C-alpha atoms as a PDB file:
ATOM      1  CA  MET A   1      -3.608 -51.949  -0.574  1.00  0.00           C
ATOM      2  CA  SER A   2      -2.504 -53.412   2.893  1.00  0.00           C
ATOM      3  CA  ASN A   3       0.282 -56.039   2.420  1.00  0.00           C
ATOM      4  CA  ASN A   4      -0.909 -58.815   4.849  1.00  0.00           C
ATOM      5  CA  ILE A   5       0.042 -61.739   3.235  1.00  0.00           C
ATOM      6  CA  ILE A   6       3.105 -63.173   4.647  1.00  0.00           C
ATOM      7  CA  VAL A   7       5.581 -65.594   2.783  1.00  0.00           C
ATOM      8  CA  SER A   8       7.800 -67.374   5.054  1.00  0.00           C
ATOM      9  CA  ALA A   9      11.468 -68.048   3.719  1.00  0.00           C
ATOM     10  CA  GLU A  10      14.861 -69.481   4.524  1.00  0.00           C
ATOM     11  CA  LYS A  11      17.929 -68.518   2.946  1.00  0.00           C
ATOM     12  CA  ARG A  12      19.882 -71.367   0.987  1.00  0.00           C
ATOM     13  CA  SER A  13      23.577 -71.839   0.506  1.00  0.00           C
ATOM     14  CA  GLU A  14      23.483 -74.594  -2.135  1.00  0.00           C
ATOM     15  CA  GLN A  15      22.685 -73.741  -5.561  1.00  0.00           C
ATOM     16  CA  GLY A  16      22.410 -75.402  -8.968  1.00  0.00           C
ATOM     17  CA  LYS A  17      20.337 -78.116 -10.388  1.00  0.00           C
ATOM     18  CA  GLY A  18      21.417 -80.643  -7.951  1.00  0.00           C
ATOM     19  CA  ALA A  19      20.465 -78.793  -4.907  1.00  0.00           C
ATOM     20  CA  SER A  20      17.394 -77.546  -6.470  1.00  0.00           C
ATOM     21  CA  ARG A  21      16.246 -81.114  -7.066  1.00  0.00           C
ATOM     22  CA  ARG A  22      17.032 -82.123  -3.417  1.00  0.00           C
ATOM     23  CA  LEU A  23      15.094 -79.218  -2.393  1.00  0.00           C
ATOM     24  CA  ARG A  24      11.942 -80.186  -4.453  1.00  0.00           C
ATOM     25  CA  ARG A  25      12.102 -83.899  -3.121  1.00  0.00           C
ATOM     26  CA  ALA A  26      12.071 -82.436   0.479  1.00  0.00           C
ATOM     27  CA  GLY A  27       9.012 -80.523  -0.187  1.00  0.00           C
ATOM     28  CA  GLN A  28      10.772 -76.946  -0.648  1.00  0.00           C
ATOM     29  CA  VAL A  29      10.526 -74.613  -3.664  1.00  0.00           C
ATOM     30  CA  PRO A  30      13.781 -72.891  -4.656  1.00  0.00           C
ATOM     31  CA  ALA A  31      13.228 -69.109  -5.249  1.00  0.00           C
ATOM     32  CA  ILE A  32      15.094 -65.869  -5.575  1.00  0.00           C
ATOM     33  CA  LEU A  33      14.480 -62.619  -4.027  1.00  0.00           C
ATOM     34  CA  TYR A  34      15.929 -59.734  -5.897  1.00  0.00           C
ATOM     35  CA  GLY A  35      15.687 -56.047  -6.880  1.00  0.00           C
ATOM     36  CA  GLY A  36      16.083 -52.667  -4.746  1.00  0.00           C
ATOM     37  CA  GLU A  37      19.407 -51.808  -3.406  1.00  0.00           C
ATOM     38  CA  ALA A  38      20.122 -55.103  -1.854  1.00  0.00           C
ATOM     39  CA  GLU A  39      21.777 -58.164  -3.617  1.00  0.00           C
ATOM     40  CA  PRO A  40      19.868 -61.005  -4.725  1.00  0.00           C
ATOM     41  CA  VAL A  41      19.270 -63.679  -2.152  1.00  0.00           C
ATOM     42  CA  ALA A  42      18.425 -67.281  -2.707  1.00  0.00           C
ATOM     43  CA  ILE A  43      15.621 -68.617  -0.571  1.00  0.00           C
ATOM     44  CA  THR A  44      13.480 -71.600  -0.411  1.00  0.00           C
ATOM     45  CA  LEU A  45       9.735 -71.910   0.437  1.00  0.00           C
ATOM     46  CA  ASN A  46       7.653 -74.458   1.786  1.00  0.00           C
ATOM     47  CA  HIS A  47       5.766 -76.082  -1.134  1.00  0.00           C
ATOM     48  CA  ASN A  48       2.318 -76.884   0.419  1.00  0.00           C
ATOM     49  CA  THR A  49       1.853 -73.448   2.087  1.00  0.00           C
ATOM     50  CA  LEU A  50       2.993 -71.753  -1.042  1.00  0.00           C
ATOM     51  CA  GLU A  51       0.337 -73.644  -3.164  1.00  0.00           C
ATOM     52  CA  LYS A  52      -2.369 -72.695  -0.417  1.00  0.00           C
ATOM     53  CA  GLN A  53      -1.329 -69.371  -0.680  1.00  0.00           C
ATOM     54  CA  LEU A  54      -1.675 -69.330  -4.440  1.00  0.00           C
ATOM     55  CA  GLN A  55      -5.253 -70.188  -4.288  1.00  0.00           C
ATOM     56  CA  ASN A  56      -6.072 -66.641  -3.225  1.00  0.00           C
ATOM     57  CA  PRO A  57      -6.503 -64.563  -6.223  1.00  0.00           C
ATOM     58  CA  ALA A  58      -5.118 -61.596  -4.497  1.00  0.00           C
ATOM     59  CA  PHE A  59      -1.772 -63.235  -4.162  1.00  0.00           C
ATOM     60  CA  ALA A  60      -0.474 -62.555  -7.514  1.00  0.00           C
ATOM     61  CA  SER A  61      -1.506 -58.756  -7.273  1.00  0.00           C
ATOM     62  CA  SER A  62      -0.560 -57.828  -3.841  1.00  0.00           C
ATOM     63  CA  ILE A  63       2.497 -56.662  -1.824  1.00  0.00           C
ATOM     64  CA  LEU A  64       3.667 -59.459   0.049  1.00  0.00           C
ATOM     65  CA  ASN A  65       5.816 -59.570   3.076  1.00  0.00           C
ATOM     66  CA  ILE A  66       8.474 -62.028   2.697  1.00  0.00           C
ATOM     67  CA  GLU A  67       9.372 -63.013   6.226  1.00  0.00           C
ATOM     68  CA  LEU A  68      13.301 -63.833   6.206  1.00  0.00           C
ATOM     69  CA  ASP A  69      15.678 -63.925   9.099  1.00  0.00           C
ATOM     70  CA  GLY A  70      13.071 -62.312  11.438  1.00  0.00           C
ATOM     71  CA  GLU A  71      12.593 -59.303   8.697  1.00  0.00           C
ATOM     72  CA  LYS A  72       9.630 -58.646   6.668  1.00  0.00           C
ATOM     73  CA  ILE A  73      10.720 -57.398   3.196  1.00  0.00           C
ATOM     74  CA  PRO A  74       7.855 -55.835   0.965  1.00  0.00           C
ATOM     75  CA  ALA A  75       7.990 -57.674  -2.490  1.00  0.00           C
ATOM     76  CA  ILE A  76       6.062 -58.759  -5.190  1.00  0.00           C
ATOM     77  CA  ILE A  77       6.031 -62.220  -7.375  1.00  0.00           C
ATOM     78  CA  LYS A  78       7.301 -61.676 -10.702  1.00  0.00           C
ATOM     79  CA  ASP A  79       7.660 -65.168 -12.064  1.00  0.00           C
ATOM     80  CA  LEU A  80       6.257 -68.566 -11.098  1.00  0.00           C
ATOM     81  CA  GLN A  81       7.394 -71.686 -12.830  1.00  0.00           C
ATOM     82  CA  ARG A  82       5.334 -74.962 -12.712  1.00  0.00           C
ATOM     83  CA  HIS A  83       6.230 -78.630 -13.282  1.00  0.00           C
ATOM     84  CA  PRO A  84       5.212 -79.464 -17.171  1.00  0.00           C
ATOM     85  CA  ALA A  85       3.441 -82.755 -15.974  1.00  0.00           C
ATOM     86  CA  LYS A  86       2.815 -82.457 -12.290  1.00  0.00           C
ATOM     87  CA  PRO A  87       0.833 -80.211  -9.898  1.00  0.00           C
ATOM     88  CA  LYS A  88       3.967 -78.615  -8.643  1.00  0.00           C
ATOM     89  CA  VAL A  89       5.734 -75.316  -8.373  1.00  0.00           C
ATOM     90  CA  VAL A  90       9.408 -75.671  -9.341  1.00  0.00           C
ATOM     91  CA  HIS A  91      10.676 -72.111  -8.894  1.00  0.00           C
ATOM     92  CA  ALA A  92       9.671 -68.777  -7.916  1.00  0.00           C
ATOM     93  CA  ASP A  93      11.021 -65.041  -8.409  1.00  0.00           C
ATOM     94  CA  PHE A  94      10.274 -62.291  -5.890  1.00  0.00           C
ATOM     95  CA  GLN A  95      11.087 -58.496  -6.656  1.00  0.00           C
ATOM     96  CA  ARG A  96      11.616 -56.020  -3.594  1.00  0.00           C
ATOM     97  CA  VAL A  97       9.568 -53.129  -3.640  1.00  0.00           C
ATOM     98  CA  SER A  98      10.004 -49.584  -2.269  1.00  0.00           C
ATOM     99  CA  ALA A  99       7.104 -47.402  -1.308  1.00  0.00           C
ATOM    100  CA  LYS A 100       8.577 -44.574  -3.452  1.00  0.00           C
ATOM    101  CA  GLU A 101       9.182 -46.307  -6.726  1.00  0.00           C
ATOM    102  CA  PRO A 102       6.687 -47.342  -9.300  1.00  0.00           C
ATOM    103  CA  ILE A 103       6.050 -51.097  -9.831  1.00  0.00           C
ATOM    104  CA  ARG A 104       4.449 -52.966 -13.028  1.00  0.00           C
ATOM    105  CA  VAL A 105       2.151 -55.535 -12.073  1.00  0.00           C
ATOM    106  CA  SER A 106      -0.415 -57.577 -13.587  1.00  0.00           C
ATOM    107  CA  VAL A 107      -3.738 -57.011 -12.011  1.00  0.00           C
ATOM    108  CA  PRO A 108      -6.871 -59.398 -12.567  1.00  0.00           C
ATOM    109  CA  LEU A 109     -10.161 -57.822 -14.151  1.00  0.00           C
ATOM    110  CA  SER A 110     -13.315 -58.263 -12.222  1.00  0.00           C
ATOM    111  CA  PHE A 111     -16.169 -58.625 -14.797  1.00  0.00           C
ATOM    112  CA  GLU A 112     -19.368 -57.208 -13.365  1.00  0.00           C
ATOM    113  CA  GLY A 113     -23.217 -56.655 -14.602  1.00  0.00           C
ATOM    114  CA  GLU A 114     -23.140 -59.238 -17.189  1.00  0.00           C
ATOM    115  CA  GLU A 115     -26.423 -60.814 -16.047  1.00  0.00           C
ATOM    116  CA  GLU A 116     -28.141 -57.368 -16.226  1.00  0.00           C
ATOM    117  CA  ALA A 117     -26.441 -56.259 -19.475  1.00  0.00           C
ATOM    118  CA  PRO A 118     -29.238 -55.648 -22.297  1.00  0.00           C
ATOM    119  CA  GLY A 119     -27.221 -57.755 -24.807  1.00  0.00           C
ATOM    120  CA  ILE A 120     -27.634 -60.896 -22.474  1.00  0.00           C
ATOM    121  CA  LYS A 121     -30.764 -60.335 -20.484  1.00  0.00           C
ATOM    122  CA  LEU A 122     -33.242 -58.878 -23.442  1.00  0.00           C
ATOM    123  CA  GLN A 123     -31.071 -60.021 -26.624  1.00  0.00           C
ATOM    124  CA  SER A 124     -29.825 -63.458 -25.634  1.00  0.00           C
ATOM    125  CA  GLY A 125     -26.157 -62.786 -26.401  1.00  0.00           C
ATOM    126  CA  VAL A 126     -23.084 -64.294 -24.444  1.00  0.00           C
ATOM    127  CA  ALA A 127     -20.378 -62.437 -22.723  1.00  0.00           C
ATOM    128  CA  THR A 128     -16.724 -62.890 -23.847  1.00  0.00           C
ATOM    129  CA  HIS A 129     -13.676 -62.006 -22.113  1.00  0.00           C
ATOM    130  CA  ALA A 130     -10.628 -61.255 -24.372  1.00  0.00           C
ATOM    131  CA  LEU A 131      -8.436 -60.298 -21.143  1.00  0.00           C
ATOM    132  CA  ASN A 132      -8.239 -61.777 -17.671  1.00  0.00           C
ATOM    133  CA  GLU A 133      -5.794 -59.453 -16.254  1.00  0.00           C
ATOM    134  CA  VAL A 134      -3.975 -56.196 -17.221  1.00  0.00           C
ATOM    135  CA  GLU A 135      -0.485 -54.967 -16.507  1.00  0.00           C
ATOM    136  CA  VAL A 136      -0.456 -51.351 -14.539  1.00  0.00           C
ATOM    137  CA  THR A 137       2.061 -49.315 -13.366  1.00  0.00           C
ATOM    138  CA  CYS A 138       1.666 -47.464  -9.679  1.00  0.00           C
ATOM    139  CA  LEU A 139       3.396 -47.018  -6.543  1.00  0.00           C
ATOM    140  CA  PRO A 140       3.089 -49.971  -4.217  1.00  0.00           C
ATOM    141  CA  GLY A 141       0.772 -48.245  -1.899  1.00  0.00           C
ATOM    142  CA  ASP A 142      -1.800 -47.702  -4.801  1.00  0.00           C
ATOM    143  CA  LEU A 143      -1.826 -51.182  -6.215  1.00  0.00           C
ATOM    144  CA  PRO A 144      -5.382 -52.386  -6.736  1.00  0.00           C
ATOM    145  CA  GLU A 145      -6.365 -56.071  -5.779  1.00  0.00           C
ATOM    146  CA  SER A 146      -8.326 -55.862  -9.189  1.00  0.00           C
ATOM    147  CA  ILE A 147      -9.984 -53.545 -11.766  1.00  0.00           C
ATOM    148  CA  ARG A 148     -13.455 -53.519 -12.170  1.00  0.00           C
ATOM    149  CA  VAL A 149     -15.173 -54.232 -15.818  1.00  0.00           C
ATOM    150  CA  ASP A 150     -18.635 -52.670 -15.915  1.00  0.00           C
ATOM    151  CA  MET A 151     -20.592 -54.686 -18.700  1.00  0.00           C
ATOM    152  CA  SER A 152     -24.144 -53.656 -17.495  1.00  0.00           C
ATOM    153  CA  LYS A 153     -25.032 -51.299 -20.124  1.00  0.00           C
ATOM    154  CA  LEU A 154     -23.787 -53.622 -23.245  1.00  0.00           C
ATOM    155  CA  LYS A 155     -26.146 -54.513 -26.066  1.00  0.00           C
ATOM    156  CA  VAL A 156     -25.081 -57.074 -28.687  1.00  0.00           C
ATOM    157  CA  GLY A 157     -22.019 -56.158 -30.372  1.00  0.00           C
ATOM    158  CA  GLY A 158     -20.857 -53.666 -27.492  1.00  0.00           C
ATOM    159  CA  SER A 159     -17.537 -53.970 -26.062  1.00  0.00           C
ATOM    160  CA  VAL A 160     -15.371 -52.628 -23.422  1.00  0.00           C
ATOM    161  CA  HIS A 161     -11.967 -51.376 -24.097  1.00  0.00           C
ATOM    162  CA  LEU A 162      -8.845 -50.501 -21.771  1.00  0.00           C
ATOM    163  CA  SER A 163      -9.409 -46.796 -22.263  1.00  0.00           C
ATOM    164  CA  GLU A 164     -12.936 -47.352 -20.900  1.00  0.00           C
ATOM    165  CA  LEU A 165     -11.723 -48.760 -17.577  1.00  0.00           C
ATOM    166  CA  LYS A 166     -11.888 -46.729 -14.689  1.00  0.00           C
ATOM    167  CA  LEU A 167      -9.003 -46.962 -12.689  1.00  0.00           C
ATOM    168  CA  PRO A 168      -8.120 -46.008  -8.994  1.00  0.00           C
ATOM    169  CA  LYS A 169      -6.086 -42.975  -8.534  1.00  0.00           C
ATOM    170  CA  GLY A 170      -2.364 -43.138  -9.355  1.00  0.00           C
ATOM    171  CA  VAL A 171      -2.869 -46.284 -11.418  1.00  0.00           C
ATOM    172  CA  GLU A 172      -1.931 -46.394 -15.238  1.00  0.00           C
ATOM    173  CA  ILE A 173      -2.559 -49.143 -17.648  1.00  0.00           C
ATOM    174  CA  VAL A 174       0.971 -49.987 -19.318  1.00  0.00           C
ATOM    175  CA  ALA A 175      -0.565 -50.625 -22.806  1.00  0.00           C
ATOM    176  CA  LEU A 176      -2.300 -47.177 -23.201  1.00  0.00           C
ATOM    177  CA  THR A 177       1.264 -45.479 -22.675  1.00  0.00           C
ATOM    178  CA  GLN A 178       2.457 -47.078 -25.986  1.00  0.00           C
ATOM    179  CA  GLY A 179      -0.293 -45.216 -28.049  1.00  0.00           C
ATOM    180  CA  ALA A 180      -3.818 -45.471 -28.947  1.00  0.00           C
ATOM    181  CA  ASP A 181      -3.351 -48.522 -31.445  1.00  0.00           C
ATOM    182  CA  HIS A 182      -2.578 -50.419 -28.121  1.00  0.00           C
ATOM    183  CA  ASP A 183      -6.206 -49.789 -26.584  1.00  0.00           C
ATOM    184  CA  ALA A 184      -7.152 -53.485 -26.627  1.00  0.00           C
ATOM    185  CA  GLN A 185     -10.627 -55.057 -26.510  1.00  0.00           C
ATOM    186  CA  VAL A 186     -11.322 -56.112 -22.763  1.00  0.00           C
ATOM    187  CA  ALA A 187     -14.850 -57.558 -22.961  1.00  0.00           C
ATOM    188  CA  ALA A 188     -17.840 -57.822 -25.488  1.00  0.00           C
ATOM    189  CA  ILE A 189     -21.386 -59.163 -26.031  1.00  0.00           C
ATOM    190  CA  GLU A 190     -21.589 -61.162 -29.057  1.00  0.00           C
ATOM    191  CA  ALA A 191     -24.737 -62.632 -30.863  1.00  0.00           C
ATOM    192  CA  THR A 192     -25.685 -66.385 -30.682  1.00  0.00           C
ATOM    193  CA  ARG A 193     -27.915 -68.551 -32.570  1.00  0.00           C
ATOM    194  CA  ALA A 194     -30.345 -67.835 -29.883  1.00  0.00           C
ATOM    195  CA  THR A 195     -30.176 -64.087 -30.392  1.00  0.00           C
ATOM    196  CA  ALA A 196     -30.672 -64.421 -34.217  1.00  0.00           C
ATOM    197  CA  THR A 197     -33.951 -66.809 -33.398  1.00  0.00           C
ATOM    198  CA  SER A 198     -35.306 -64.198 -31.063  1.00  0.00           C
ATOM    199  CA  GLY A 199     -35.046 -61.330 -33.880  1.00  0.00           C
ATOM    200  CA  GLY A 200     -32.276 -59.581 -31.912  1.00  0.00           C
ATOM    201  CA  GLY A 201     -34.137 -58.743 -29.075  1.00  0.00           C
ATOM    202  CA  GLU A 202     -36.262 -55.931 -27.824  1.00  0.00           C
ATOM    203  CA  ASP A 203     -35.218 -53.206 -30.166  1.00  0.00           C
ATOM    204  CA  GLU A 204     -36.262 -55.165 -33.113  1.00  0.00           C
ATOM    205  CA  GLU A 205     -39.560 -56.339 -31.459  1.00  0.00           C
ATOM    206  CA  GLU A 206     -40.303 -52.587 -31.143  1.00  0.00           C
ATOM    207  CA  ALA A 207     -39.529 -51.803 -34.664  1.00  0.00           C
ATOM    208  CA  GLU A 208     -41.827 -54.769 -35.792  1.00  0.00           C
ATOM    209  CA  ALA A 209     -44.546 -53.544 -33.645  1.00  0.00           C
ATOM    210  CA  ALA A 210     -44.324 -49.771 -34.980  1.00  0.00           C
ATOM    211  CA  GLY A 211     -44.233 -51.539 -38.473  1.00  0.00           C
ATOM    212  CA  GLU A 212     -47.535 -52.936 -38.014  1.00  0.00           C
ATOM    213  CA  GLU A 213     -49.121 -50.115 -36.634  1.00  0.00           C
ATOM    214  CA  THR A 214     -48.320 -47.965 -39.686  1.00  0.00           C
ATOM    215  CA  GLY A 215     -49.380 -50.699 -42.116  1.00  0.00           C
ATOM    216  CA  GLU A 216     -45.750 -51.194 -43.355  1.00  0.00           C
ATOM    217  CA  GLY A 217     -45.916 -55.058 -42.644  1.00  0.00           C
ATOM    218  CA  GLU A 218     -49.162 -55.479 -44.877  1.00  0.00           C
ATOM    219  CA  ALA A 219     -47.553 -53.298 -47.882  1.00  0.00           C
ATOM    220  CA  ASP A 220     -44.442 -55.643 -47.713  1.00  0.00           C
ATOM    221  CA  GLN A 221     -46.487 -58.745 -47.690  1.00  0.00           C
ATOM    222  CA  ASP A 222     -48.527 -57.707 -50.743  1.00  0.00           C
ATOM    223  CA  GLY A 223     -45.381 -56.934 -52.446  1.00  0.00           C
ATOM    224  CA  GLU A 224     -44.008 -60.414 -51.985  1.00  0.00           C
ATOM    225  CA  GLU A 225     -47.381 -61.972 -53.355  1.00  0.00           C
ATOM    226  CA  GLU A 226     -46.870 -59.908 -56.862  1.00  0.00           C
END
């Protein structure tokens, strides 16, 4: 993944709740840059610029360039705190990364093929997403912007689990390293009232047609009249 997202930052000397409040009133976001072999550094970011960058879905799962004192420092965002009542970011944590050291990052899932899935197209089912992101471990250079979830073959009752996801080379799902019982469901196609009304879709329609051809339908009807 190319790390072409630049986050402009400045060092801050004042720390504490009072200093942070003053920064926020001035349109700044207090943050911390830590990790690697260097000491943690207290920094500030422009709030409006950060908010615009956060609208990019790739921001949270990309290697960022923290531009500080003329130097570009590779990092990932590890934590973002928002105001409980206002649409404002109040603090951010960034972690330095090394090209040779694995990182753990939550990567968004990209759901594809839902419209063509038999469970939706033919059986009137509905797609449900149990997860929207998944935590992975990999080297920074192998970090994907998203992981594809193929739902194009699913029928009603079908599902996709973590172990069925196709991962880029060098990428590993953290949960799967903890054992088979952590193989969580990612997405599924479930039945709806429309599914029941339609009789379950193409498969059941074919079964009914076969029954009529063999005379099974008439035999059932006679049995009910007795």
